[in-house]
Structure formats: structure tokens, C-alpha cells
PDB file of all heavy atoms in Angstrom:
ATOM      1  N   MET A   1       0.835  -1.210   0.000  1.00  0.00           N
ATOM      2  CA  MET A   1       0.000   0.000   0.000  1.00  0.00           C
ATOM      3  C   MET A   1       0.870   1.260   0.000  1.00  0.00           C
ATOM      4  O   MET A   1       1.936   1.281   0.614  1.00  0.00           O
ATOM      5  CB  MET A   1      -0.907   0.023   1.224  1.00  0.00           C
ATOM      6  CG  MET A   1      -1.883  -1.110   1.273  1.00  0.00           C
ATOM      7  SD  MET A   1      -2.784  -1.072   2.838  1.00  0.00           S
ATOM      8  CE  MET A   1      -4.395  -1.529   2.260  1.00  0.00           C
ATOM      9  N   PRO A   2       0.393   2.307  -0.676  1.00  0.00           N
ATOM     10  CA  PRO A   2       1.149   3.572  -0.643  1.00  0.00           C
ATOM     11  C   PRO A   2       1.278   4.075   0.792  1.00  0.00           C
ATOM     12  O   PRO A   2       0.342   4.016   1.574  1.00  0.00           O
ATOM     13  CB  PRO A   2       0.275   4.527  -1.460  1.00  0.00           C
ATOM     14  CG  PRO A   2      -0.683   3.672  -2.218  1.00  0.00           C
ATOM     15  CD  PRO A   2      -0.823   2.397  -1.451  1.00  0.00           C
ATOM     16  N   GLY A   3       2.447   4.554   1.154  1.00  0.00           N
ATOM     17  CA  GLY A   3       2.668   5.117   2.474  1.00  0.00           C
ATOM     18  C   GLY A   3       3.001   4.100   3.551  1.00  0.00           C
ATOM     19  O   GLY A   3       3.185   4.475   4.707  1.00  0.00           O
ATOM     20  N   PHE A   4       3.093   2.825   3.207  1.00  0.00           N
ATOM     21  CA  PHE A   4       3.403   1.807   4.220  1.00  0.00           C
ATOM     22  C   PHE A   4       4.735   2.137   4.885  1.00  0.00           C
ATOM     23  O   PHE A   4       5.735   2.404   4.228  1.00  0.00           O
ATOM     24  CB  PHE A   4       3.485   0.414   3.596  1.00  0.00           C
ATOM     25  CG  PHE A   4       3.936  -0.642   4.567  1.00  0.00           C
ATOM     26  CD1 PHE A   4       3.055  -1.170   5.483  1.00  0.00           C
ATOM     27  CD2 PHE A   4       5.246  -1.085   4.580  1.00  0.00           C
ATOM     28  CE1 PHE A   4       3.459  -2.135   6.394  1.00  0.00           C
ATOM     29  CE2 PHE A   4       5.668  -2.048   5.482  1.00  0.00           C
ATOM     30  CZ  PHE A   4       4.769  -2.568   6.388  1.00  0.00           C
ATOM     31  N   GLY A   5       4.740   2.157   6.205  1.00  0.00           N
ATOM     32  CA  GLY A   5       5.951   2.397   6.970  1.00  0.00           C
ATOM     33  C   GLY A   5       6.352   3.861   7.087  1.00  0.00           C
ATOM     34  O   GLY A   5       7.359   4.174   7.708  1.00  0.00           O
ATOM     35  N   ALA A   6       5.568   4.770   6.536  1.00  0.00           N
ATOM     36  CA  ALA A   6       5.937   6.187   6.556  1.00  0.00           C
ATOM     37  C   ALA A   6       6.018   6.748   7.972  1.00  0.00           C
ATOM     38  O   ALA A   6       6.753   7.688   8.222  1.00  0.00           O
ATOM     39  CB  ALA A   6       4.949   7.000   5.729  1.00  0.00           C
ATOM     40  N   LEU A   7       5.267   6.182   8.889  1.00  0.00           N
ATOM     41  CA  LEU A   7       5.243   6.703  10.254  1.00  0.00           C
ATOM     42  C   LEU A   7       6.113   5.887  11.214  1.00  0.00           C
ATOM     43  O   LEU A   7       6.170   6.198  12.398  1.00  0.00           O
ATOM     44  CB  LEU A   7       3.801   6.744  10.766  1.00  0.00           C
ATOM     45  CG  LEU A   7       2.838   7.578   9.922  1.00  0.00           C
ATOM     46  CD1 LEU A   7       1.433   7.499  10.491  1.00  0.00           C
ATOM     47  CD2 LEU A   7       3.308   9.010   9.810  1.00  0.00           C
ATOM     48  N   ALA A   8       6.786   4.866  10.723  1.00  0.00           N
ATOM     49  CA  ALA A   8       7.619   4.015  11.581  1.00  0.00           C
ATOM     50  C   ALA A   8       8.749   4.821  12.199  1.00  0.00           C
ATOM     51  O   ALA A   8       9.351   5.683  11.556  1.00  0.00           O
ATOM     52  CB  ALA A   8       8.192   2.857  10.779  1.00  0.00           C
ATOM     53  N   GLY A   9       9.022   4.550  13.465  1.00  0.00           N
ATOM     54  CA  GLY A   9      10.118   5.197  14.157  1.00  0.00           C
ATOM     55  C   GLY A   9       9.791   6.558  14.735  1.00  0.00           C
ATOM     56  O   GLY A   9      10.642   7.197  15.338  1.00  0.00           O
ATOM     57  N   ARG A  10       8.581   7.034  14.554  1.00  0.00           N
ATOM     58  CA  ARG A  10       8.176   8.321  15.129  1.00  0.00           C
ATOM     59  C   ARG A  10       7.874   8.133  16.601  1.00  0.00           C
ATOM     60  O   ARG A  10       7.344   7.108  17.022  1.00  0.00           O
ATOM     61  CB  ARG A  10       6.936   8.862  14.427  1.00  0.00           C
ATOM     62  CG  ARG A  10       7.083   9.008  12.934  1.00  0.00           C
ATOM     63  CD  ARG A  10       7.780  10.318  12.585  1.00  0.00           C
ATOM     64  NE  ARG A  10       7.997  10.436  11.170  1.00  0.00           N
ATOM     65  CZ  ARG A  10       7.215  11.110  10.345  1.00  0.00           C
ATOM     66  NH1 ARG A  10       6.149  11.718  10.794  1.00  0.00           N
ATOM     67  NH2 ARG A  10       7.507  11.163   9.074  1.00  0.00           N
ATOM     68  N   HIS A  11       8.190   9.130  17.426  1.00  0.00           N
ATOM     69  CA  HIS A  11       7.976   9.003  18.864  1.00  0.00           C
ATOM     70  C   HIS A  11       6.486   9.073  19.206  1.00  0.00           C
ATOM     71  O   HIS A  11       5.941   8.150  19.805  1.00  0.00           O
ATOM     72  CB  HIS A  11       8.747  10.077  19.617  1.00  0.00           C
ATOM     73  CG  HIS A  11       8.590   9.985  21.099  1.00  0.00           C
ATOM     74  ND1 HIS A  11       9.041   8.908  21.826  1.00  0.00           N
ATOM     75  CD2 HIS A  11       7.987  10.800  21.981  1.00  0.00           C
ATOM     76  CE1 HIS A  11       8.733   9.073  23.100  1.00  0.00           C
ATOM     77  NE2 HIS A  11       8.097  10.217  23.218  1.00  0.00           N
ATOM     78  N   LEU A  12       5.818  10.134  18.856  1.00  0.00           N
ATOM     79  CA  LEU A  12       4.378  10.272  19.086  1.00  0.00           C
ATOM     80  C   LEU A  12       3.737  10.739  17.793  1.00  0.00           C
ATOM     81  O   LEU A  12       4.310  11.543  17.062  1.00  0.00           O
ATOM     82  CB  LEU A  12       4.079  11.299  20.190  1.00  0.00           C
ATOM     83  CG  LEU A  12       4.402  10.893  21.607  1.00  0.00           C
ATOM     84  CD1 LEU A  12       4.157  12.067  22.551  1.00  0.00           C
ATOM     85  CD2 LEU A  12       3.567   9.701  22.050  1.00  0.00           C
ATOM     86  N   LEU A  13       2.544  10.230  17.529  1.00  0.00           N
ATOM     87  CA  LEU A  13       1.783  10.632  16.350  1.00  0.00           C
ATOM     88  C   LEU A  13       0.436  11.182  16.805  1.00  0.00           C
ATOM     89  O   LEU A  13      -0.125  10.730  17.803  1.00  0.00           O
ATOM     90  CB  LEU A  13       1.546   9.436  15.429  1.00  0.00           C
ATOM     91  CG  LEU A  13       2.794   8.788  14.866  1.00  0.00           C
ATOM     92  CD1 LEU A  13       2.433   7.503  14.143  1.00  0.00           C
ATOM     93  CD2 LEU A  13       3.504   9.739  13.923  1.00  0.00           C
ATOM     94  N   TYR A  14      -0.082  12.121  16.033  1.00  0.00           N
ATOM     95  CA  TYR A  14      -1.371  12.720  16.360  1.00  0.00           C
ATOM     96  C   TYR A  14      -2.273  12.696  15.123  1.00  0.00           C
ATOM     97  O   TYR A  14      -2.545  13.731  14.520  1.00  0.00           O
ATOM     98  CB  TYR A  14      -1.179  14.150  16.874  1.00  0.00           C
ATOM     99  CG  TYR A  14      -0.398  14.189  18.157  1.00  0.00           C
ATOM    100  CD1 TYR A  14       0.973  14.409  18.158  1.00  0.00           C
ATOM    101  CD2 TYR A  14      -1.030  13.965  19.372  1.00  0.00           C
ATOM    102  CE1 TYR A  14       1.689  14.422  19.344  1.00  0.00           C
ATOM    103  CE2 TYR A  14      -0.322  13.969  20.558  1.00  0.00           C
ATOM    104  CZ  TYR A  14       1.038  14.198  20.535  1.00  0.00           C
ATOM    105  OH  TYR A  14       1.742  14.198  21.703  1.00  0.00           O
ATOM    106  N   PRO A  15      -2.751  11.520  14.725  1.00  0.00           N
ATOM    107  CA  PRO A  15      -3.645  11.452  13.567  1.00  0.00           C
ATOM    108  C   PRO A  15      -5.074  11.839  13.944  1.00  0.00           C
ATOM    109  O   PRO A  15      -5.473  11.783  15.101  1.00  0.00           O
ATOM    110  CB  PRO A  15      -3.584   9.980  13.146  1.00  0.00           C
ATOM    111  CG  PRO A  15      -3.238   9.248  14.400  1.00  0.00           C
ATOM    112  CD  PRO A  15      -2.404  10.195  15.210  1.00  0.00           C
ATOM    113  N   SER A  16      -5.828  12.230  12.941  1.00  0.00           N
ATOM    114  CA  SER A  16      -7.266  12.471  13.108  1.00  0.00           C
ATOM    115  C   SER A  16      -7.971  11.836  11.926  1.00  0.00           C
ATOM    116  O   SER A  16      -7.410  11.731  10.833  1.00  0.00           O
ATOM    117  CB  SER A  16      -7.563  13.964  13.183  1.00  0.00           C
ATOM    118  OG  SER A  16      -7.278  14.592  11.952  1.00  0.00           O
ATOM    119  N   ARG A  17      -9.205  11.405  12.160  1.00  0.00           N
ATOM    120  CA  ARG A  17      -9.970  10.800  11.064  1.00  0.00           C
ATOM    121  C   ARG A  17     -11.441  10.743  11.404  1.00  0.00           C
ATOM    122  O   ARG A  17     -11.831  10.801  12.559  1.00  0.00           O
ATOM    123  CB  ARG A  17      -9.462   9.407  10.755  1.00  0.00           C
ATOM    124  CG  ARG A  17      -9.753   8.382  11.850  1.00  0.00           C
ATOM    125  CD  ARG A  17      -9.390   7.009  11.434  1.00  0.00           C
ATOM    126  NE  ARG A  17     -10.306   6.558  10.411  1.00  0.00           N
ATOM    127  CZ  ARG A  17     -10.629   5.297  10.192  1.00  0.00           C
ATOM    128  NH1 ARG A  17     -10.079   4.364  10.919  1.00  0.00           N
ATOM    129  NH2 ARG A  17     -11.467   4.945   9.274  1.00  0.00           N
ATOM    130  N   ARG A  18     -12.221  10.642  10.388  1.00  0.00           N
ATOM    131  CA  ARG A  18     -13.649  10.360  10.543  1.00  0.00           C
ATOM    132  C   ARG A  18     -13.794   8.851  10.517  1.00  0.00           C
ATOM    133  O   ARG A  18     -13.128   8.168   9.762  1.00  0.00           O
ATOM    134  CB  ARG A  18     -14.458  10.976   9.413  1.00  0.00           C
ATOM    135  CG  ARG A  18     -14.491  12.474   9.454  1.00  0.00           C
ATOM    136  CD  ARG A  18     -15.528  13.001   8.467  1.00  0.00           C
ATOM    137  NE  ARG A  18     -15.477  14.432   8.377  1.00  0.00           N
ATOM    138  CZ  ARG A  18     -16.039  15.259   9.234  1.00  0.00           C
ATOM    139  NH1 ARG A  18     -16.714  14.779  10.250  1.00  0.00           N
ATOM    140  NH2 ARG A  18     -15.939  16.554   9.102  1.00  0.00           N
ATOM    141  N   TRP A  19     -14.657   8.317  11.370  1.00  0.00           N
ATOM    142  CA  TRP A  19     -14.811   6.865  11.420  1.00  0.00           C
ATOM    143  C   TRP A  19     -15.450   6.348  10.144  1.00  0.00           C
ATOM    144  O   TRP A  19     -15.045   5.364   9.569  1.00  0.00           O
ATOM    145  CB  TRP A  19     -15.637   6.468  12.641  1.00  0.00           C
ATOM    146  CG  TRP A  19     -15.567   4.996  12.846  1.00  0.00           C
ATOM    147  CD1 TRP A  19     -16.534   4.079  12.544  1.00  0.00           C
ATOM    148  CD2 TRP A  19     -14.466   4.257  13.364  1.00  0.00           C
ATOM    149  NE1 TRP A  19     -16.095   2.816  12.841  1.00  0.00           N
ATOM    150  CE2 TRP A  19     -14.832   2.898  13.351  1.00  0.00           C
ATOM    151  CE3 TRP A  19     -13.215   4.605  13.836  1.00  0.00           C
ATOM    152  CZ2 TRP A  19     -13.979   1.909  13.799  1.00  0.00           C
ATOM    153  CZ3 TRP A  19     -12.378   3.609  14.283  1.00  0.00           C
ATOM    154  CH2 TRP A  19     -12.770   2.279  14.254  1.00  0.00           C
ATOM    155  N   ASN A  20     -16.494   7.039   9.682  1.00  0.00           N
ATOM    156  CA  ASN A  20     -17.203   6.625   8.480  1.00  0.00           C
ATOM    157  C   ASN A  20     -17.548   7.895   7.710  1.00  0.00           C
ATOM    158  O   ASN A  20     -18.447   8.625   8.093  1.00  0.00           O
ATOM    159  CB  ASN A  20     -18.457   5.834   8.852  1.00  0.00           C
ATOM    160  CG  ASN A  20     -19.202   5.330   7.640  1.00  0.00           C
ATOM    161  OD1 ASN A  20     -19.170   5.929   6.576  1.00  0.00           O
ATOM    162  ND2 ASN A  20     -19.894   4.228   7.814  1.00  0.00           N
ATOM    163  N   GLU A  21     -16.839   8.163   6.649  1.00  0.00           N
ATOM    164  CA  GLU A  21     -17.016   9.404   5.890  1.00  0.00           C
ATOM    165  C   GLU A  21     -18.443   9.619   5.400  1.00  0.00           C
ATOM    166  O   GLU A  21     -18.915  10.736   5.335  1.00  0.00           O
ATOM    167  CB  GLU A  21     -16.062   9.417   4.680  1.00  0.00           C
ATOM    168  CG  GLU A  21     -14.603   9.476   5.041  1.00  0.00           C
ATOM    169  CD  GLU A  21     -14.169  10.824   5.605  1.00  0.00           C
ATOM    170  OE1 GLU A  21     -14.843  11.841   5.358  1.00  0.00           O
ATOM    171  OE2 GLU A  21     -13.154  10.844   6.310  1.00  0.00           O
ATOM    172  N   ASP A  22     -19.149   8.547   5.063  1.00  0.00           N
ATOM    173  CA  ASP A  22     -20.473   8.680   4.464  1.00  0.00           C
ATOM    174  C   ASP A  22     -21.598   8.867   5.470  1.00  0.00           C
ATOM    175  O   ASP A  22     -22.599   9.501   5.166  1.00  0.00           O
ATOM    176  CB  ASP A  22     -20.789   7.443   3.604  1.00  0.00           C
ATOM    177  CG  ASP A  22     -19.802   7.301   2.454  1.00  0.00           C
ATOM    178  OD1 ASP A  22     -19.310   8.336   1.972  1.00  0.00           O
ATOM    179  OD2 ASP A  22     -19.521   6.163   2.059  1.00  0.00           O
ATOM    180  N   HIS A  23     -21.468   8.317   6.673  1.00  0.00           N
ATOM    181  CA  HIS A  23     -22.610   8.284   7.583  1.00  0.00           C
ATOM    182  C   HIS A  23     -22.369   8.891   8.953  1.00  0.00           C
ATOM    183  O   HIS A  23     -23.268   8.968   9.757  1.00  0.00           O
ATOM    184  CB  HIS A  23     -23.057   6.826   7.791  1.00  0.00           C
ATOM    185  CG  HIS A  23     -23.463   6.164   6.517  1.00  0.00           C
ATOM    186  ND1 HIS A  23     -22.583   5.411   5.781  1.00  0.00           N
ATOM    187  CD2 HIS A  23     -24.625   6.163   5.846  1.00  0.00           C
ATOM    188  CE1 HIS A  23     -23.193   4.952   4.711  1.00  0.00           C
ATOM    189  NE2 HIS A  23     -24.437   5.396   4.716  1.00  0.00           N
ATOM    190  N   ASP A  24     -21.170   9.324   9.248  1.00  0.00           N
ATOM    191  CA  ASP A  24     -20.861   9.752  10.602  1.00  0.00           C
ATOM    192  C   ASP A  24     -19.979  10.995  10.554  1.00  0.00           C
ATOM    193  O   ASP A  24     -18.923  10.981   9.944  1.00  0.00           O
ATOM    194  CB  ASP A  24     -20.137   8.625  11.342  1.00  0.00           C
ATOM    195  CG  ASP A  24     -19.969   8.889  12.827  1.00  0.00           C
ATOM    196  OD1 ASP A  24     -20.384   9.955  13.296  1.00  0.00           O
ATOM    197  OD2 ASP A  24     -19.417   8.011  13.505  1.00  0.00           O
ATOM    198  N   ALA A  25     -20.418  12.067  11.211  1.00  0.00           N
ATOM    199  CA  ALA A  25     -19.639  13.300  11.227  1.00  0.00           C
ATOM    200  C   ALA A  25     -18.664  13.337  12.402  1.00  0.00           C
ATOM    201  O   ALA A  25     -17.970  14.325  12.596  1.00  0.00           O
ATOM    202  CB  ALA A  25     -20.579  14.501  11.283  1.00  0.00           C
TER     203      ALA A  25
END
């Protein structure tokens, strides 16, 4: 997959996301 391993070795990450783009805000 594109981006596989891009975040490896980082100390802390702060991602954000919508659980379900179509049905949940």
C-alpha cells in the first residue's frame, strides 16, 4: 500500500480521522 511504513520510528503521532465518511460526522 502507498505510504506503508511512513510513520515508523516516530515518537508520538497525532492522527485524526472520521470513522465513516459517508454516515458519521
